[in-house]
Protein backbone atom coordinates (compact mmCIF):
# COMPACT_ATOMS: atom_id res chain seq x y z
CA MET A 1 11.13 17.76 1.56
CA ASP A 2 14.63 18.12 0.04
CA ILE A 3 16.93 18.58 3.15
CA GLU A 4 19.61 18.77 0.76
CA GLY A 5 18.48 21.60 -1.32
CA TYR A 6 17.71 23.42 2.10
CA ALA A 7 21.10 23.11 3.21
CA LYS A 8 22.59 24.38 0.40
CA LYS A 9 20.69 27.27 -0.19
CA GLY A 10 21.16 27.76 3.15
CA LEU A 11 24.94 27.71 2.63
CA ARG A 12 24.83 30.08 -0.12
CA LYS A 13 23.29 32.83 2.02
CA ASN A 14 25.26 32.29 5.01
CA GLU A 15 22.38 31.11 6.88
CA PRO A 16 22.72 31.68 10.26
CA GLU A 17 22.17 29.06 12.91
CA LEU A 18 21.68 26.69 9.59
CA GLU A 19 21.96 23.95 11.43
CA LYS A 20 18.85 24.55 14.07
CA LYS A 21 16.79 25.12 11.23
CA LEU A 22 17.11 22.48 9.37
CA THR A 23 16.61 20.50 12.66
CA THR A 24 13.37 22.38 13.06
CA ARG A 25 12.24 21.87 9.43
CA ILE A 26 13.51 17.99 9.73
CA LEU A 27 11.15 17.81 13.03
CA GLU A 28 8.39 19.21 11.11
CA VAL A 29 8.01 16.98 8.44
CA LYS A 30 9.74 13.46 10.00
CA ASP A 31 8.60 11.73 13.05
CA THR A 32 11.49 11.59 14.58
CA ASP A 33 13.45 12.26 17.68
CA PRO A 34 15.01 15.41 18.12
CA GLU A 35 18.49 14.27 18.89
CA HIS A 36 18.16 12.05 15.73
CA ALA A 37 16.63 15.38 13.16
CA ARG A 38 20.23 17.19 14.74
CA LYS A 39 22.41 14.53 13.55
CA LEU A 40 20.63 14.42 10.23
CA ALA A 41 20.99 18.04 10.02
CA GLN A 42 24.73 17.96 10.57
CA ALA A 43 24.96 15.10 8.21
CA THR A 44 23.23 16.87 5.60
CA LEU A 45 24.96 20.01 5.64
CA THR A 46 28.52 18.05 5.94
CA GLU A 47 27.55 16.90 2.70
CA ALA A 48 26.39 19.90 1.24
CA ARG A 49 29.13 21.61 2.24
CA ALA A 50 31.43 19.25 -0.08
CA THR A 51 29.61 19.55 -3.02
CA LEU A 52 28.55 23.32 -3.13
CA GLU A 53 31.52 24.22 -5.19
CA LEU A 54 32.26 21.81 -8.13
CA GLU A 55 34.64 22.95 -11.00
CA GLY A 56 34.65 20.44 -14.60
CA ASP A 57 32.50 19.54 -16.95
CA VAL A 58 31.34 16.26 -15.80
CA LEU A 59 30.53 17.98 -11.72
CA GLU A 60 29.35 21.75 -12.94
CA PRO A 61 25.86 22.02 -13.69
CA THR A 62 24.48 23.71 -17.03
CA VAL A 63 22.56 26.87 -15.39
CA SER A 64 20.13 28.81 -17.31
CA GLY A 65 19.39 31.19 -14.29
CA VAL A 66 15.36 30.43 -15.51
CA THR A 67 13.44 27.63 -13.43
CA MET A 68 11.26 24.77 -14.07
CA GLY A 69 7.76 26.75 -12.86
CA ASP A 70 9.19 29.99 -14.24
CA PHE A 71 9.23 28.69 -17.49
CA GLY A 72 5.89 26.86 -17.67
CA VAL A 73 7.93 23.13 -18.15
CA GLY A 74 5.86 20.49 -17.45
CA SER A 75 2.31 22.16 -17.39
CA ARG A 76 1.58 21.76 -21.38
CA GLY A 77 2.05 24.71 -22.69
CA LEU A 78 4.35 27.18 -25.41
CA GLY A 79 6.76 27.36 -22.79
CA ASP A 80 6.69 23.36 -22.21
CA PHE A 81 6.87 22.49 -25.75
CA TYR A 82 9.44 25.03 -26.03
CA THR A 83 12.05 23.35 -23.38
CA HIS A 84 10.83 20.38 -25.87
CA GLU A 85 12.56 21.47 -28.77
CA LYS A 86 15.49 22.65 -27.32
CA ILE A 87 15.77 18.98 -25.89
CA ALA A 88 15.74 17.45 -29.20
CA GLU A 89 19.05 19.83 -29.72
CA VAL A 90 20.74 18.88 -27.31
CA ILE A 91 20.35 15.17 -28.33
CA GLY A 92 20.73 15.86 -32.11
CA LYS A 93 19.36 14.15 -34.70
CA THR A 94 19.81 10.03 -34.89
CA LYS A 95 19.61 7.07 -36.51
CA ALA A 96 15.58 7.00 -35.50
CA ILE A 97 12.93 6.54 -37.83
CA VAL A 98 11.08 8.95 -35.60
CA ASP A 99 13.35 10.36 -32.72
CA THR A 100 12.69 14.12 -30.68
CA THR A 101 13.01 16.39 -33.27
CA HIS A 102 9.62 14.72 -34.45
CA LEU A 103 8.04 15.95 -31.23
CA ASP A 104 5.66 12.55 -31.35
CA ASP A 105 4.76 10.52 -28.74
CA SER A 106 6.98 7.75 -29.15
CA GLY A 107 10.61 7.20 -30.79
CA VAL A 108 10.87 4.29 -33.42
CA ILE A 109 13.70 2.70 -35.27
CA LYS A 110 13.68 0.22 -37.42
CA THR A 111 15.17 -3.81 -37.57
CA ASP A 112 17.58 -5.46 -40.45
CA GLY A 113 14.05 -6.55 -41.31
CA GLY A 114 12.32 -4.23 -41.94
CA GLU A 115 10.15 -4.13 -38.91
CA TYR A 116 10.06 -0.92 -36.68
CA ILE A 117 10.54 -1.49 -32.86
CA ILE A 118 8.66 1.68 -30.87
CA LEU A 119 9.51 2.67 -27.74
CA THR A 120 8.08 5.43 -25.11
CA VAL A 121 7.77 6.71 -21.55
CA ASP A 122 4.87 8.41 -19.76
CA GLY A 123 5.82 9.88 -16.01
CA MET A 124 2.71 9.69 -13.45
CA HIS A 125 0.70 12.76 -12.81
CA SER A 126 2.39 14.45 -9.92
CA ARG A 127 -0.25 15.28 -7.90
CA LEU A 128 -1.65 11.60 -7.91
CA SER A 129 1.18 10.84 -5.34
CA ASP A 130 -1.75 10.42 -2.75
CA TYR A 131 -3.23 7.92 -5.49
CA SER A 132 -1.24 5.20 -6.04
CA PHE A 133 -3.46 2.73 -7.87
CA LEU A 134 -5.02 5.95 -9.76
CA ALA A 135 -1.82 7.45 -10.71
CA GLY A 136 -0.29 3.63 -12.05
CA PHE A 137 -3.52 2.73 -13.80
CA HIS A 138 -3.55 6.11 -15.44
CA VAL A 139 0.23 6.35 -16.59
CA ALA A 140 0.42 2.70 -17.82
CA ARG A 141 -3.09 3.43 -19.90
CA ALA A 142 -1.02 6.47 -20.93
CA ALA A 143 2.11 4.58 -21.80
CA LEU A 144 -0.08 1.64 -23.96
CA ARG A 145 -1.78 5.14 -26.01
CA ASP A 146 1.58 6.31 -27.12
CA ILE A 147 2.30 2.88 -28.56
CA TYR A 148 -0.50 2.35 -30.71
CA VAL A 149 -1.13 6.06 -31.75
CA MET A 150 2.25 4.84 -33.33
CA GLY A 151 0.10 2.95 -35.61
CA ALA A 152 1.97 0.03 -33.16
CA ARG A 153 0.76 -3.15 -31.05
CA PRO A 154 2.00 -2.86 -27.60
CA VAL A 155 3.68 -5.95 -26.05
CA ALA A 156 5.74 -4.65 -22.63
CA MET A 157 5.54 -2.31 -20.25
CA LEU A 158 8.30 -1.49 -17.56
CA SER A 159 7.71 0.39 -14.27
CA ASP A 160 9.87 3.14 -12.53
CA ILE A 161 8.76 3.87 -9.16
CA HIS A 162 10.56 6.79 -6.49
CA VAL A 163 9.28 6.99 -2.87
CA ALA A 164 10.54 9.10 -0.57
CA ASP A 165 11.81 8.41 2.80
CA ASP A 166 9.22 8.41 4.99
CA GLY A 167 6.17 7.49 2.22
CA ASP A 168 4.68 3.85 3.02
CA VAL A 169 5.90 0.98 1.46
CA GLY A 170 2.04 -0.21 0.69
CA LYS A 171 2.50 2.97 -1.85
CA ILE A 172 4.56 0.98 -4.10
CA PHE A 173 1.82 -2.14 -4.11
CA ASP A 174 -0.93 -0.35 -5.23
CA HIS A 175 0.88 1.26 -7.18
CA ILE A 176 2.09 -1.85 -9.17
CA ALA A 177 -1.97 -3.27 -9.05
CA GLY A 178 -3.23 0.07 -10.74
CA ILE A 179 -0.32 -0.51 -13.83
CA THR A 180 -1.42 -4.08 -14.11
CA ALA A 181 -4.65 -3.40 -13.84
CA VAL A 182 -4.19 -2.06 -17.32
CA SER A 183 -1.92 -4.94 -18.04
CA GLU A 184 -4.08 -7.25 -17.39
CA LEU A 185 -7.41 -5.39 -18.85
CA SER A 186 -5.16 -5.00 -21.80
CA GLY A 187 -3.41 -8.39 -22.26
CA ILE A 188 -0.01 -6.29 -22.09
CA PRO A 189 2.61 -7.77 -19.98
CA LEU A 190 4.17 -5.25 -16.97
CA ILE A 191 7.75 -7.45 -17.61
CA THR A 192 10.28 -4.78 -15.20
CA GLY A 193 11.10 -2.24 -13.59
CA SER A 194 12.90 -0.15 -11.07
CA THR A 195 11.63 0.92 -7.37
CA LEU A 196 14.12 3.53 -5.37
CA ARG A 197 13.71 6.24 -2.81
CA ILE A 198 13.37 10.03 -3.55
CA GLY A 199 16.78 11.40 -2.89
CA GLY A 200 17.56 8.92 -0.89
CA ASP A 201 18.26 10.18 2.78
CA MET A 202 17.97 13.49 1.83
CA VAL A 203 14.45 13.60 0.54
CA ILE A 204 11.75 13.39 3.32
CA GLY A 205 7.88 13.65 3.09
CA GLU A 206 5.44 10.89 1.52
CA ARG A 207 5.98 12.35 -1.86
CA MET A 208 5.68 9.67 -4.60
CA THR A 209 7.18 9.83 -8.46
CA GLY A 210 7.48 7.30 -11.31
CA GLY A 211 6.85 6.70 -14.37
CA VAL A 212 5.39 2.89 -17.00
CA GLY A 213 7.41 2.85 -20.38
CA ALA A 214 6.66 0.96 -23.68
CA VAL A 215 7.68 -1.51 -26.12
CA GLY A 216 5.73 -2.08 -29.32
CA VAL A 217 6.12 -3.77 -32.92
CA ALA A 218 4.45 -2.41 -36.67
CA THR A 219 4.80 -2.76 -39.68
CA ASP A 220 3.23 0.53 -40.71
CA LEU A 221 3.50 3.95 -39.18
CA THR A 222 0.90 6.48 -38.73
CA SER A 223 3.79 9.59 -37.18
CA ARG A 224 2.30 13.13 -37.45
CA GLU A 225 4.69 14.49 -40.51
CA GLN A 226 2.85 12.66 -42.55
CA THR A 227 -0.16 14.29 -41.88
CA ARG A 228 -1.32 16.12 -45.56
CA VAL A 229 -3.46 19.19 -46.85
CA GLY A 230 -6.68 17.43 -47.97
CA ASP A 231 -7.26 14.69 -44.93
CA VAL A 232 -9.58 14.54 -42.30
CA ILE A 233 -9.25 14.54 -38.61
CA LEU A 234 -11.37 12.73 -36.70
CA MET A 235 -11.81 12.26 -32.78
CA THR A 236 -13.03 9.43 -30.29
CA GLU A 237 -14.75 10.39 -27.01
CA GLY A 238 -12.82 10.92 -24.62
CA ALA A 239 -13.04 11.37 -20.29
CA GLY A 240 -9.52 12.44 -19.48
CA GLY A 241 -7.13 10.56 -17.41
CA GLY A 242 -4.86 11.68 -15.11
CA THR A 243 -5.17 15.56 -15.31
CA VAL A 244 -9.62 15.50 -15.14
CA SER A 245 -9.30 12.95 -12.04
CA THR A 246 -6.61 15.70 -10.74
CA THR A 247 -9.70 18.26 -11.07
CA ALA A 248 -12.11 16.30 -9.44
CA LEU A 249 -10.22 15.00 -6.38
CA TYR A 250 -8.74 18.56 -5.73
CA TYR A 251 -12.45 20.03 -6.09
CA GLY A 252 -14.39 17.82 -4.46
CA MET A 253 -16.15 16.20 -6.96
CA HIS A 254 -15.25 12.44 -6.38
CA ASP A 255 -17.39 10.88 -8.22
CA VAL A 256 -16.10 12.38 -11.52
CA VAL A 257 -12.67 9.85 -10.70
CA ASP A 258 -14.41 6.84 -11.95
CA GLU A 259 -15.76 8.32 -15.56
CA THR A 260 -11.93 7.70 -16.30
CA ILE A 261 -11.63 4.55 -15.50
CA ASN A 262 -11.73 2.73 -18.59
CA ILE A 263 -9.68 1.60 -21.81
CA LYS A 264 -11.88 2.27 -24.52
CA PHE A 265 -8.93 4.27 -26.02
CA LEU A 266 -7.01 1.16 -26.50
CA GLU A 267 -9.86 -1.13 -27.29
CA ALA A 268 -10.78 1.72 -29.87
CA CYS A 269 -7.00 1.38 -31.48
CA GLU A 270 -7.35 -2.65 -31.32
CA LYS A 271 -9.86 -2.51 -33.15
CA LEU A 272 -8.29 -0.55 -35.98
CA LEU A 273 -5.01 -2.75 -36.14
CA ASP A 274 -6.97 -5.68 -36.99
CA SER A 275 -9.28 -4.46 -39.27
CA GLY A 276 -6.46 -3.36 -41.41
CA LEU A 277 -6.87 0.50 -41.69
CA VAL A 278 -4.19 2.02 -40.25
CA LYS A 279 -1.66 1.34 -43.25
CA HIS A 280 -4.27 4.02 -44.69
CA ILE A 281 -3.81 5.84 -41.96
CA HIS A 282 -1.42 8.92 -41.61
CA ALA A 283 -1.43 10.11 -38.16
CA MET A 284 -2.47 9.34 -34.87
CA THR A 285 -2.07 11.18 -31.14
CA ASP A 286 -3.87 11.30 -27.77
CA VAL A 287 -5.38 13.90 -26.78
CA THR A 288 -3.05 14.89 -23.32
CA ASN A 289 -0.44 17.95 -24.09
CA GLY A 290 -2.47 21.06 -22.56
CA GLY A 291 -5.27 19.66 -24.75
CA ILE A 292 -6.29 20.06 -28.43
CA ARG A 293 -4.71 22.91 -28.49
CA GLY A 294 -1.48 21.77 -27.67
CA ASP A 295 -1.70 18.52 -30.14
CA ALA A 296 -3.13 21.17 -32.53
CA LYS A 297 0.37 23.18 -32.72
CA GLU A 298 2.65 20.28 -32.60
CA ILE A 299 1.00 18.91 -35.40
CA SER A 300 1.19 21.53 -37.54
CA ARG A 301 4.99 22.45 -36.79
CA THR A 302 5.96 18.90 -37.66
CA ALA A 303 3.81 18.77 -40.66
CA GLY A 304 3.87 22.01 -41.94
CA VAL A 305 0.68 22.18 -42.53
CA LYS A 306 -2.92 23.83 -40.62
CA LEU A 307 -5.74 22.05 -39.14
CA VAL A 308 -8.91 23.67 -39.24
CA PHE A 309 -11.29 22.09 -36.29
CA GLU A 310 -15.02 22.64 -35.53
CA GLU A 311 -15.98 23.51 -31.99
CA LYS A 312 -19.37 21.77 -31.72
CA GLU A 313 -18.10 18.64 -33.32
CA MET A 314 -15.76 18.68 -30.76
CA LYS A 315 -17.85 19.13 -27.90
CA LYS A 316 -20.49 16.27 -28.20
CA LEU A 317 -17.57 13.86 -27.70
CA VAL A 318 -16.61 15.09 -24.04
CA ASN A 319 -18.03 12.37 -21.73
CA ALA A 320 -20.58 14.83 -20.42
CA VAL A 321 -20.31 14.17 -16.61
CA VAL A 322 -16.64 15.24 -17.14
CA TYR A 323 -17.62 18.25 -19.42
CA ASP A 324 -20.11 19.60 -16.88
CA MET A 325 -16.97 19.57 -14.10
CA LEU A 326 -14.99 21.35 -16.43
CA GLU A 327 -17.69 23.99 -17.38
CA SER A 328 -18.74 24.61 -13.64
CA LEU A 329 -15.29 24.98 -13.21
CA GLU A 330 -14.61 27.34 -15.69
CA ILE A 331 -11.77 25.02 -17.33
CA ASP A 332 -11.40 25.49 -20.97
CA TYR A 333 -11.88 21.98 -21.69
CA LEU A 334 -9.66 22.00 -25.48
CA GLY A 335 -7.01 22.98 -23.36
CA VAL A 336 -6.66 19.74 -20.88
CA SER A 337 -5.94 16.54 -21.52
CA LEU A 338 -9.32 14.58 -22.34
CA ASP A 339 -7.72 11.25 -23.48
CA ALA A 340 -9.61 10.88 -26.54
CA LEU A 341 -7.49 9.66 -29.87
CA LEU A 342 -7.19 12.26 -32.72
CA ILE A 343 -7.22 10.72 -35.97
CA ILE A 344 -5.83 12.03 -38.94
CA ALA A 345 -6.07 10.16 -42.64
CA PRO A 346 -8.20 10.72 -46.41
CA GLU A 347 -11.44 11.99 -46.40
CA GLU A 348 -12.29 8.72 -48.28
CA TYR A 349 -11.36 6.29 -45.63
CA ALA A 350 -13.28 8.49 -42.82
CA GLU A 351 -16.54 6.09 -42.91
CA ASP A 352 -14.68 2.72 -42.64
CA ILE A 353 -12.94 4.38 -39.70
CA MET A 354 -15.73 5.57 -37.76
CA LYS A 355 -17.25 2.01 -37.90
CA THR A 356 -14.46 0.35 -36.84
CA VAL A 357 -13.98 2.40 -33.78
CA ARG A 358 -18.00 2.40 -33.18
CA SER A 359 -17.79 -1.20 -33.43
CA ALA A 360 -15.55 -1.16 -30.04
CA ASN A 361 -18.91 0.94 -28.98
CA VAL A 362 -16.47 4.18 -28.59
CA ASP A 363 -18.09 6.82 -30.53
CA ILE A 364 -16.44 8.77 -32.69
CA THR A 365 -16.85 11.72 -35.43
CA VAL A 366 -15.19 13.98 -38.26
CA ILE A 367 -14.31 16.98 -36.01
CA GLY A 368 -11.97 19.28 -38.83
CA LYS A 369 -9.87 19.04 -41.78
CA VAL A 370 -6.26 19.82 -42.72
CA VAL A 371 -5.27 22.76 -45.12
CA GLU A 372 -2.57 24.74 -46.64
CA GLY A 373 -1.13 27.14 -43.85
CA THR A 374 0.38 26.96 -40.55
CA GLY A 375 -0.52 26.53 -36.71
CA ALA A 376 -3.81 25.83 -36.04
CA GLU A 377 -7.73 27.65 -36.28
CA LEU A 378 -11.10 26.95 -34.28
CA ILE A 379 -14.41 27.77 -35.39
CA ILE A 380 -17.11 28.71 -33.03
CA ASP A 381 -21.08 29.31 -34.67
CA GLY A 382 -19.14 29.56 -38.17
CA THR A 383 -16.19 32.55 -36.88
CA ALA A 384 -12.73 31.65 -37.48
CA LYS A 385 -10.84 31.70 -33.99
CA ASP A 386 -7.26 31.51 -33.00
CA PHE A 387 -6.29 28.02 -31.64
CA THR A 388 -3.05 28.88 -30.67
CA PRO A 389 -2.26 26.63 -26.63
CA ARG A 390 -1.20 29.31 -23.98
CA PHE A 391 1.73 29.33 -21.86
CA ARG A 392 0.35 26.74 -19.54
CA GLU A 393 -2.67 24.37 -19.90
CA SER A 394 -5.87 25.01 -18.70
CA ALA A 395 -5.76 25.38 -14.85
CA TYR A 396 -7.24 22.81 -13.43
CA THR A 397 -6.51 23.29 -9.41
CA PRO A 398 -6.69 25.63 -7.31
CA ILE A 399 -3.07 26.41 -7.32
CA LYS A 400 -3.25 26.82 -11.32
CA LYS A 401 -5.75 28.99 -11.13
CA MET A 402 -3.88 31.16 -8.88
CA ILE A 403 -1.00 31.03 -11.07
CA GLY A 404 -2.45 31.60 -14.18
CA ASP A 405 -1.83 30.29 -17.69
CA GLU A 406 -0.58 33.61 -19.14
CA ASN A 407 2.88 34.42 -20.70
CA PRO A 408 4.79 35.69 -18.49
CA ARG A 409 6.05 39.44 -19.31
CA ASP A 410 9.37 38.09 -20.01
CA PHE A 411 9.00 35.51 -21.56
CA ASP A 412 11.00 36.34 -24.62
CA GLU A 413 14.44 36.64 -22.47
CA MET A 414 14.00 33.18 -21.15
CA LYS A 415 14.11 31.41 -23.85
CA LYS A 416 17.21 33.67 -24.83
CA ALA A 417 18.35 32.15 -21.81
CA ILE A 418 17.06 28.91 -22.23
CA ASP A 419 18.60 28.83 -25.58
CA ASN A 420 21.99 29.92 -24.07
CA ALA A 421 21.59 26.50 -21.70
CA ALA A 422 21.30 23.97 -24.30
CA ILE A 423 24.04 25.49 -26.35
CA LYS A 424 26.24 25.06 -23.31
CA ALA A 425 24.92 21.97 -22.45
CA THR A 426 25.50 20.46 -26.39
CA GLU A 427 29.32 22.09 -26.03
CA LYS A 428 29.64 20.06 -22.88
CA LYS A 429 28.29 16.90 -24.00
CA SER A 430 31.05 17.22 -27.05
CA ARG A 431 34.08 18.17 -25.08
CA VAL A 432 33.11 15.03 -22.46
CA ILE A 433 32.57 12.56 -25.80
CA GLU A 434 36.52 13.89 -27.23
CA MET A 435 37.82 13.44 -23.61
CA VAL A 436 36.23 9.54 -23.44
CA LYS A 437 37.81 9.21 -26.95
CA ARG A 438 41.04 9.86 -26.08
CA LYS A 439 41.36 7.65 -22.72
């Protein structure tokens, strides 16, 4: 619970008996005596009043009037993709070889010696807060995947963990153990990190969040913008990661979680790197953000091409246990993270690529092709179907099903507000930079 946020909301609404209400809320969450809770409420209100109205570029927040939940930020759908495009605009064009404007899995810079340095960071799945080992395992694996799909070999990882005030310290160790299980299996060391509380004293409860970053090196790149008309699309088998684990946990199908505990993706990539075939591959990505629907949209936009997929071929590559669970829950497997490897390459190299990946005991097949045009198309029983992502990724927990994945009626109005906020933030950045230069 964010007691600072509760206090500020109450002050703005002139809530009567706010100190008493906040004390009650604190006692509902925190195991403490009433007097301590009252003093904590008083101190919170003192700080909240002092920071309620601020002025100046550095202190005044940029407000869009649109909440993260309403716009679907983090939900791997249209709202989330749109927000990331705006993030790229606020950052602006950089000197990097691959930056946020490319909507790729990682960023890339080139050294004076001609070597590529690849950097990425992944946040742990927010619903795995109570399962810190599992959260660590899957976020570490995700970070390494994002390095591999750039045609690079990971060399190190870093972690960032935030645990709320009442969280058990053991969560930190469990999370690190999950990360380093992947580290030891893959041979990629975890070498540094940060550990903090969420919001200091102002967030009570046991919630945990964090992320894992990774750095890699390469001599050849496989960024999405290199996708070409005439290429074929290949995909490896996938059993999911954090998303599938979350589905299994919150629908009481706990045994399915074990299907996600593997490093097949990483092993397949190592085989490709060792084989030297990476230099013939145009693009690679991991099937995560909004499933294949989301990946197809991003690749099409970045490379200016159309992607055509054969649904019957994709279905074969989904872990049978995972597929049965998703089917039984009426969850679209094409709209969730499968943690499969998507490879786009000239057709003449397809057989060699598949042979190499299969040598790692990982299944792979051709699932589509790249043609002229824009967007993506899904072929089901010979009929072409629309393959655009929904407003949110497939609803894979009871709460997500309740919220739904359809576009809100005021989506275009929200986009305008988001546009305005991005412009304001960019202008603020420019003003602050000029201020610093004048000092």
